[in-house]
Amino acid sequence: MIDALPSQARIFVIDDEPANLKLLDKMLASQGYLRPVLIQDPREVLERYHEARPDLILLDLNMPHLDGYQVMAQLQALDDALLPPIVILTAQHGRDTLLKALAAGARDYVGKPFDRAELLMRVRNLLDAQLAHRMLHDQKAVLEEIVLARTESLNQTRLQVVRRLGRAAEYRDNETGLHIIRMSQFSAVLARSLGWSAADCELMLHASPMHDVGKIGIPDAILLKPGKFEPDEWAIMQTHASIGADILEDDDSALLRLARVIALSHHEKWDGSGYPQALSGEAIPQAGRIVAVADVFDALTSARPYKKAWPVEEAVAFIAANAGSHFDPEVARHFALCLPEILAIRERYLEPDA
């Protein structure tokens, strides 16, 4: 950034005439500008610019190899948000020449022969303007960083709430936090295998733990019943999918929108015999079809107070046998393809007493 002291300003002086460079150097030095960069060959401008961006450029128009217009075109092509102001040095005072230079990117011009007072005043004014521009740019960057940090903090807070909602539902159902970790990891693996983007797989990882959040609204006498449900009890138990959707609705975040879809649809079956809406085939959201496989596999292979864990081989066979009836055949196929990775996740997050 330009310092408040003129001696800190970095000024490019570009002119093919050595005498002009020497004169401008003396003029600038007389006012304390001690860092001018004198460039006689305009072909060196870009290289010197990349070494250190100047705060101001004094540019001759008529030069060999590259004229001032071509130099300005090269600088404009850099698309630098902090491109320094350019003052044209020219002996041509025609209106068309000046308009062309201003249209090419020049901020001001000084005629030759130089008027010392005029030149130094324009240099001072443009350096002050560039300082203000840089301060605004830096302030904007700082504000953007603050917004990003606060947004990330809000996202992390939302994720913590989501995870705790999921765990609350699982604990009510004699589950553990490890179940939702396993099934959410399984779900993300299947989503990736099915072609979901990395961002959407991340959403799946964090949304799927809330698949059974609606169990919070089911009475303990039904939810914790160790035996088979009576028809009226089963009807009440099935409402947990709709309750979960109600809990998660009316939120505009992608995370909770996906969580609601999963809560409502992960008990639907490919053949239409599921609940709560009796959807079938591809009418069931793919997220729900994915979580259905992940959740059932983990439930089958996990011990509960009312059942023993199935052997992995039997649970894998169950998924395959029910592809096309309970499960989406394509999701079941990807489950088989991803089985080594899924089993590795299961091994990593085994229950403590397993």
Protein backbone atom coordinates (compact mmCIF):
# COMPACT_ATOMS: atom_id res chain seq x y z
CA MET A 1 0.00 0.00 0.00
CA ILE A 2 1.12 3.59 -0.67
CA ASP A 3 2.58 5.09 2.46
CA ALA A 4 1.53 8.57 3.61
CA LEU A 5 5.08 9.73 2.79
CA PRO A 6 5.77 10.55 -0.89
CA SER A 7 9.08 8.75 -0.60
CA GLN A 8 7.18 5.45 -0.36
CA ALA A 9 5.33 5.84 -3.67
CA ARG A 10 6.55 3.56 -6.48
CA ILE A 11 6.26 5.42 -9.78
CA PHE A 12 6.94 3.94 -13.24
CA VAL A 13 8.35 6.46 -15.72
CA ILE A 14 8.22 5.03 -19.25
CA ASP A 15 9.83 7.03 -22.06
CA ASP A 16 12.26 6.07 -24.82
CA GLU A 17 14.17 9.37 -24.51
CA PRO A 18 16.94 9.22 -21.88
CA ALA A 19 16.83 13.00 -21.47
CA ASN A 20 13.13 12.89 -20.57
CA LEU A 21 13.73 10.09 -18.06
CA LYS A 22 16.51 12.09 -16.42
CA LEU A 23 14.37 15.24 -16.27
CA LEU A 24 11.38 13.44 -14.76
CA ASP A 25 13.63 11.70 -12.25
CA LYS A 26 14.93 15.07 -11.03
CA MET A 27 11.45 16.58 -10.87
CA LEU A 28 10.11 13.71 -8.80
CA ALA A 29 13.16 13.62 -6.53
CA SER A 30 12.71 17.32 -5.77
CA GLN A 31 9.38 16.49 -4.14
CA GLY A 32 10.66 13.49 -2.19
CA TYR A 33 9.61 10.74 -4.58
CA LEU A 34 12.61 8.48 -4.10
CA ARG A 35 11.38 5.26 -5.77
CA PRO A 36 10.86 6.04 -9.45
CA VAL A 37 11.43 3.11 -11.83
CA LEU A 38 12.86 4.46 -15.09
CA ILE A 39 11.97 2.31 -18.13
CA GLN A 40 13.36 3.23 -21.53
CA ASP A 41 12.24 0.08 -23.38
CA PRO A 42 8.42 -0.36 -23.18
CA ARG A 43 8.80 -4.11 -23.71
CA GLU A 44 10.08 -4.35 -20.12
CA VAL A 45 6.95 -2.85 -18.55
CA LEU A 46 5.03 -6.09 -17.88
CA GLU A 47 8.04 -7.85 -16.37
CA ARG A 48 8.73 -4.93 -14.07
CA TYR A 49 5.02 -4.67 -13.21
CA HIS A 50 4.94 -8.32 -12.11
CA GLU A 51 8.03 -7.77 -9.95
CA ALA A 52 6.25 -5.02 -7.99
CA ARG A 53 3.03 -3.21 -8.84
CA PRO A 54 3.58 0.57 -9.10
CA ASP A 55 1.36 3.19 -7.51
CA LEU A 56 1.41 5.47 -10.55
CA ILE A 57 2.57 5.24 -14.19
CA LEU A 58 3.90 8.14 -16.28
CA LEU A 59 3.73 6.92 -19.89
CA ASP A 60 4.98 8.36 -23.14
CA LEU A 61 2.79 7.71 -26.20
CA ASN A 62 5.26 7.68 -29.09
CA MET A 63 7.88 4.97 -28.55
CA PRO A 64 9.50 2.28 -30.70
CA HIS A 65 8.57 -1.43 -30.32
CA LEU A 66 5.43 -0.66 -28.31
CA ASP A 67 3.64 2.68 -28.26
CA GLY A 68 1.76 3.96 -25.22
CA TYR A 69 -1.57 2.60 -26.45
CA GLN A 70 -0.13 -0.91 -26.73
CA VAL A 71 1.41 -0.68 -23.26
CA MET A 72 -1.97 0.36 -21.84
CA ALA A 73 -3.66 -2.54 -23.65
CA GLN A 74 -1.19 -4.97 -22.04
CA LEU A 75 -1.84 -3.51 -18.60
CA GLN A 76 -5.62 -3.58 -19.05
CA ALA A 77 -5.38 -7.26 -20.06
CA LEU A 78 -3.99 -8.04 -16.60
CA ASP A 79 -7.49 -7.39 -15.20
CA ASP A 80 -5.88 -6.06 -12.03
CA ALA A 81 -8.45 -4.64 -9.62
CA LEU A 82 -5.74 -2.30 -8.32
CA LEU A 83 -4.34 -1.17 -11.67
CA PRO A 84 -2.53 2.11 -10.95
CA PRO A 85 -3.56 5.38 -12.62
CA ILE A 86 -1.76 6.22 -15.86
CA VAL A 87 -0.68 9.74 -16.82
CA ILE A 88 0.09 10.19 -20.51
CA LEU A 89 3.15 12.25 -21.45
CA THR A 90 2.66 13.64 -24.95
CA ALA A 91 3.64 16.45 -27.25
CA GLN A 92 0.44 15.86 -29.25
CA HIS A 93 -2.28 18.18 -28.03
CA GLY A 94 -4.96 17.27 -30.53
CA ARG A 95 -8.42 16.43 -29.15
CA ASP A 96 -8.59 13.06 -30.91
CA THR A 97 -5.24 11.96 -29.46
CA LEU A 98 -6.26 12.87 -25.93
CA LEU A 99 -9.67 11.19 -26.21
CA LYS A 100 -8.07 8.04 -27.61
CA ALA A 101 -5.59 7.94 -24.72
CA LEU A 102 -8.32 8.42 -22.12
CA ALA A 103 -10.45 5.71 -23.77
CA ALA A 104 -7.46 3.34 -23.67
CA GLY A 105 -7.20 3.64 -19.90
CA ALA A 106 -5.28 6.83 -19.13
CA ARG A 107 -6.52 8.84 -16.15
CA ASP A 108 -4.81 12.11 -17.04
CA TYR A 109 -2.23 13.66 -19.36
CA VAL A 110 0.61 16.18 -19.24
CA GLY A 111 1.90 17.94 -22.33
CA LYS A 112 5.49 18.22 -23.40
CA PRO A 113 7.51 20.26 -22.66
CA PHE A 114 6.62 19.56 -19.02
CA ASP A 115 5.28 22.22 -16.71
CA ARG A 116 6.93 21.22 -13.43
CA ALA A 117 4.20 22.51 -11.11
CA GLU A 118 1.41 21.00 -13.22
CA LEU A 119 3.13 17.60 -13.45
CA LEU A 120 3.86 17.36 -9.73
CA MET A 121 0.33 18.44 -8.78
CA ARG A 122 -1.20 15.74 -11.01
CA VAL A 123 1.19 13.15 -9.56
CA ARG A 124 0.24 14.12 -6.00
CA ASN A 125 -3.51 14.09 -6.69
CA LEU A 126 -3.48 10.74 -8.45
CA LEU A 127 -1.35 9.14 -5.73
CA ASP A 128 -3.85 10.35 -3.12
CA ALA A 129 -6.71 8.90 -5.17
CA GLN A 130 -4.89 5.59 -5.57
CA LEU A 131 -4.25 5.44 -1.83
CA ALA A 132 -7.98 5.88 -1.16
CA HIS A 133 -8.82 3.24 -3.78
CA ARG A 134 -6.47 0.73 -2.17
CA MET A 135 -7.80 1.42 1.30
CA LEU A 136 -11.36 0.76 0.09
CA HIS A 137 -10.23 -2.40 -1.69
CA ASP A 138 -8.45 -3.69 1.42
CA GLN A 139 -11.44 -2.82 3.60
CA LYS A 140 -13.73 -4.76 1.24
CA ALA A 141 -11.42 -7.78 1.38
CA VAL A 142 -11.40 -7.67 5.18
CA LEU A 143 -15.19 -7.43 5.30
CA GLU A 144 -15.50 -10.38 2.91
CA GLU A 145 -13.22 -12.44 5.15
CA ILE A 146 -15.35 -11.52 8.19
CA VAL A 147 -18.55 -12.52 6.36
CA LEU A 148 -17.01 -15.82 5.26
CA ALA A 149 -15.83 -16.56 8.79
CA ARG A 150 -19.25 -15.79 10.27
CA THR A 151 -20.99 -17.83 7.59
CA GLU A 152 -18.74 -20.77 8.34
CA SER A 153 -19.45 -20.34 12.05
CA LEU A 154 -23.19 -20.40 11.39
CA ASN A 155 -22.80 -23.49 9.22
CA GLN A 156 -20.86 -25.25 11.95
CA THR A 157 -23.51 -24.30 14.51
CA ARG A 158 -26.22 -25.64 12.20
CA LEU A 159 -24.30 -28.88 11.75
CA GLN A 160 -23.98 -29.30 15.51
CA VAL A 161 -27.73 -28.82 15.95
CA VAL A 162 -28.39 -31.30 13.14
CA ARG A 163 -26.12 -33.94 14.64
CA ARG A 164 -27.68 -33.58 18.06
CA LEU A 165 -31.19 -33.86 16.62
CA GLY A 166 -30.16 -37.08 14.93
CA ARG A 167 -28.59 -38.47 18.08
CA ALA A 168 -31.61 -37.51 20.19
CA ALA A 169 -33.87 -39.58 17.92
CA GLU A 170 -31.50 -42.56 17.92
CA TYR A 171 -31.12 -42.59 21.72
CA ARG A 172 -34.90 -42.66 22.10
CA ASP A 173 -34.91 -45.78 19.93
CA ASN A 174 -32.17 -47.61 21.87
CA GLU A 175 -29.70 -46.68 19.14
CA THR A 176 -26.27 -45.13 19.56
CA GLY A 177 -24.50 -42.25 17.91
CA LEU A 178 -22.34 -44.76 16.08
CA HIS A 179 -25.36 -45.96 14.08
CA ILE A 180 -25.95 -42.54 12.58
CA ILE A 181 -22.23 -42.12 11.92
CA ARG A 182 -22.10 -45.44 10.05
CA MET A 183 -25.28 -45.03 8.04
CA SER A 184 -24.45 -41.43 7.10
CA GLN A 185 -20.99 -42.51 5.92
CA PHE A 186 -22.57 -45.38 3.96
CA SER A 187 -25.04 -42.93 2.41
CA ALA A 188 -22.29 -40.52 1.32
CA VAL A 189 -20.31 -43.39 -0.24
CA LEU A 190 -23.36 -44.55 -2.21
CA ALA A 191 -24.19 -41.01 -3.33
CA ARG A 192 -20.65 -40.53 -4.63
CA SER A 193 -20.78 -43.85 -6.46
CA LEU A 194 -24.07 -42.79 -8.06
CA GLY A 195 -22.49 -39.63 -9.43
CA TRP A 196 -23.37 -36.99 -6.87
CA SER A 197 -21.05 -33.99 -6.70
CA ALA A 198 -18.61 -33.62 -3.82
CA ALA A 199 -20.72 -30.78 -2.36
CA ASP A 200 -23.91 -32.84 -2.54
CA CYS A 201 -22.17 -35.84 -0.97
CA GLU A 202 -21.14 -33.57 1.89
CA LEU A 203 -24.78 -32.52 2.30
CA MET A 204 -25.81 -36.18 2.31
CA LEU A 205 -23.26 -36.94 5.03
CA HIS A 206 -24.70 -34.25 7.29
CA ALA A 207 -28.41 -34.53 6.38
CA SER A 208 -28.87 -38.31 6.58
CA PRO A 209 -28.35 -38.53 10.39
CA MET A 210 -31.75 -36.85 10.76
CA HIS A 211 -33.60 -39.58 8.85
CA ASP A 212 -35.48 -40.77 11.96
CA VAL A 213 -35.78 -37.47 13.83
CA GLY A 214 -39.55 -37.93 13.80
CA LYS A 215 -39.23 -40.73 16.35
CA ILE A 216 -39.05 -37.94 18.93
CA GLY A 217 -42.81 -37.67 18.51
CA ILE A 218 -43.64 -41.38 18.98
CA PRO A 219 -44.83 -42.50 22.45
CA ASP A 220 -42.35 -44.63 24.40
CA ALA A 221 -44.87 -47.45 24.81
CA ILE A 222 -44.78 -47.93 21.04
CA LEU A 223 -41.27 -46.84 20.16
CA LEU A 224 -39.62 -49.03 22.80
CA LYS A 225 -41.94 -52.03 22.50
CA PRO A 226 -39.72 -55.15 22.19
CA GLY A 227 -42.28 -57.31 20.41
CA LYS A 228 -44.36 -57.07 17.27
CA PHE A 229 -46.60 -54.03 16.80
CA GLU A 230 -50.35 -54.30 16.76
CA PRO A 231 -51.93 -52.78 13.61
CA ASP A 232 -52.90 -49.56 15.40
CA GLU A 233 -49.43 -49.30 16.96
CA TRP A 234 -47.76 -49.83 13.59
CA ALA A 235 -49.92 -47.07 12.11
CA ILE A 236 -48.70 -44.69 14.83
CA MET A 237 -45.08 -45.82 14.36
CA GLN A 238 -45.28 -45.05 10.66
CA THR A 239 -46.13 -41.44 11.39
CA HIS A 240 -42.55 -40.76 12.44
CA ALA A 241 -41.62 -40.14 8.79
CA SER A 242 -44.20 -37.35 8.47
CA ILE A 243 -43.37 -36.00 11.93
CA GLY A 244 -39.72 -35.77 10.92
CA ALA A 245 -40.66 -33.89 7.75
CA ASP A 246 -42.78 -31.49 9.80
CA ILE A 247 -39.91 -30.85 12.22
CA LEU A 248 -37.54 -30.04 9.36
CA GLU A 249 -39.80 -28.03 7.07
CA ASP A 250 -39.77 -24.27 6.46
CA ASP A 251 -35.99 -23.94 6.39
CA ASP A 252 -34.27 -22.49 3.33
CA SER A 253 -30.89 -24.17 3.86
CA ALA A 254 -29.88 -26.89 1.39
CA LEU A 255 -28.88 -29.08 4.33
CA LEU A 256 -32.25 -29.10 6.07
CA ARG A 257 -34.18 -29.29 2.78
CA LEU A 258 -32.31 -32.50 1.98
CA ALA A 259 -32.80 -33.76 5.54
CA ARG A 260 -36.56 -33.26 5.19
CA VAL A 261 -36.65 -35.17 1.88
CA ILE A 262 -34.77 -38.06 3.50
CA ALA A 263 -36.92 -38.13 6.64
CA LEU A 264 -40.08 -38.28 4.55
CA SER A 265 -38.96 -40.78 1.91
CA HIS A 266 -36.46 -43.27 3.35
CA HIS A 267 -39.22 -45.74 4.31
CA GLU A 268 -40.75 -45.75 0.83
CA LYS A 269 -40.19 -48.96 -1.17
CA TRP A 270 -39.38 -49.42 -4.82
CA ASP A 271 -42.56 -51.48 -5.39
CA GLY A 272 -44.83 -48.90 -3.74
CA SER A 273 -45.48 -50.83 -0.53
CA GLY A 274 -43.65 -48.40 1.74
CA TYR A 275 -44.83 -45.40 3.74
CA PRO A 276 -45.93 -42.65 4.32
CA GLN A 277 -46.92 -41.83 0.72
CA ALA A 278 -46.70 -45.27 -0.96
CA LEU A 279 -44.41 -43.87 -3.64
CA SER A 280 -42.79 -46.27 -6.09
CA GLY A 281 -39.81 -46.40 -8.41
CA GLU A 282 -38.18 -43.13 -9.36
CA ALA A 283 -41.03 -41.16 -7.81
CA ILE A 284 -39.14 -41.77 -4.58
CA PRO A 285 -36.39 -39.13 -4.23
CA GLN A 286 -33.00 -40.71 -4.87
CA ALA A 287 -31.73 -39.45 -1.51
CA GLY A 288 -34.43 -41.52 0.22
CA ARG A 289 -33.60 -44.58 -1.89
CA ILE A 290 -29.93 -44.27 -0.92
CA VAL A 291 -30.60 -43.87 2.79
CA ALA A 292 -33.04 -46.80 2.72
CA VAL A 293 -30.22 -49.18 1.74
CA ALA A 294 -27.66 -47.64 4.11
CA ASP A 295 -30.04 -47.59 7.08
CA VAL A 296 -31.39 -51.12 6.61
CA PHE A 297 -27.94 -52.64 6.16
CA ASP A 298 -26.64 -51.04 9.34
CA ALA A 299 -29.79 -51.93 11.28
CA LEU A 300 -29.57 -55.57 10.22
CA THR A 301 -25.90 -55.90 11.16
CA SER A 302 -26.30 -54.15 14.54
CA ALA A 303 -27.43 -55.79 17.78
CA ARG A 304 -30.43 -54.33 19.56
CA PRO A 305 -32.08 -55.21 22.91
CA TYR A 306 -34.78 -57.03 20.95
CA LYS A 307 -32.59 -58.78 18.33
CA LYS A 308 -29.17 -60.12 17.51
CA ALA A 309 -26.99 -58.70 14.78
CA TRP A 310 -27.21 -60.43 11.44
CA PRO A 311 -23.99 -61.75 9.91
CA VAL A 312 -22.72 -59.35 7.26
CA GLU A 313 -23.11 -61.98 4.53
CA GLU A 314 -26.80 -62.44 5.32
CA ALA A 315 -27.44 -58.69 5.37
CA VAL A 316 -25.68 -58.26 2.02
CA ALA A 317 -27.78 -61.11 0.61
CA PHE A 318 -30.94 -59.44 1.95
CA ILE A 319 -30.14 -56.20 0.12
CA ALA A 320 -29.55 -58.12 -3.12
CA ALA A 321 -32.68 -60.27 -2.73
CA ASN A 322 -34.89 -57.24 -2.14
CA ALA A 323 -33.54 -55.14 -5.02
CA GLY A 324 -36.52 -54.33 -7.20
CA SER A 325 -39.04 -54.75 -4.39
CA HIS A 326 -37.87 -52.90 -1.28
CA PHE A 327 -34.75 -51.25 -2.73
CA ASP A 328 -33.90 -49.36 -5.89
CA PRO A 329 -32.04 -51.94 -8.04
CA GLU A 330 -29.46 -49.33 -9.12
CA VAL A 331 -28.71 -48.29 -5.54
CA ALA A 332 -28.46 -51.97 -4.57
CA ARG A 333 -26.00 -52.51 -7.42
CA HIS A 334 -23.82 -49.63 -6.24
CA PHE A 335 -24.05 -50.98 -2.69
CA ALA A 336 -22.46 -54.21 -3.95
CA LEU A 337 -19.79 -52.24 -5.84
CA CYS A 338 -18.97 -50.16 -2.75
CA LEU A 339 -19.16 -53.03 -0.26
CA PRO A 340 -15.42 -53.10 0.58
CA GLU A 341 -15.50 -49.39 1.45
CA ILE A 342 -18.74 -49.78 3.39
CA LEU A 343 -17.34 -52.67 5.42
CA ALA A 344 -14.21 -50.66 6.16
CA ILE A 345 -16.41 -47.85 7.55
CA ARG A 346 -18.38 -50.39 9.58
CA GLU A 347 -15.16 -51.78 11.05
CA ARG A 348 -13.93 -48.30 11.91
CA TYR A 349 -17.11 -47.41 13.81
CA LEU A 350 -17.98 -50.70 15.51
CA GLU A 351 -19.98 -50.57 18.73
CA PRO A 352 -17.73 -50.71 21.83
CA ASP A 353 -19.06 -54.11 22.85
CA ALA A 354 -18.88 -55.62 19.34
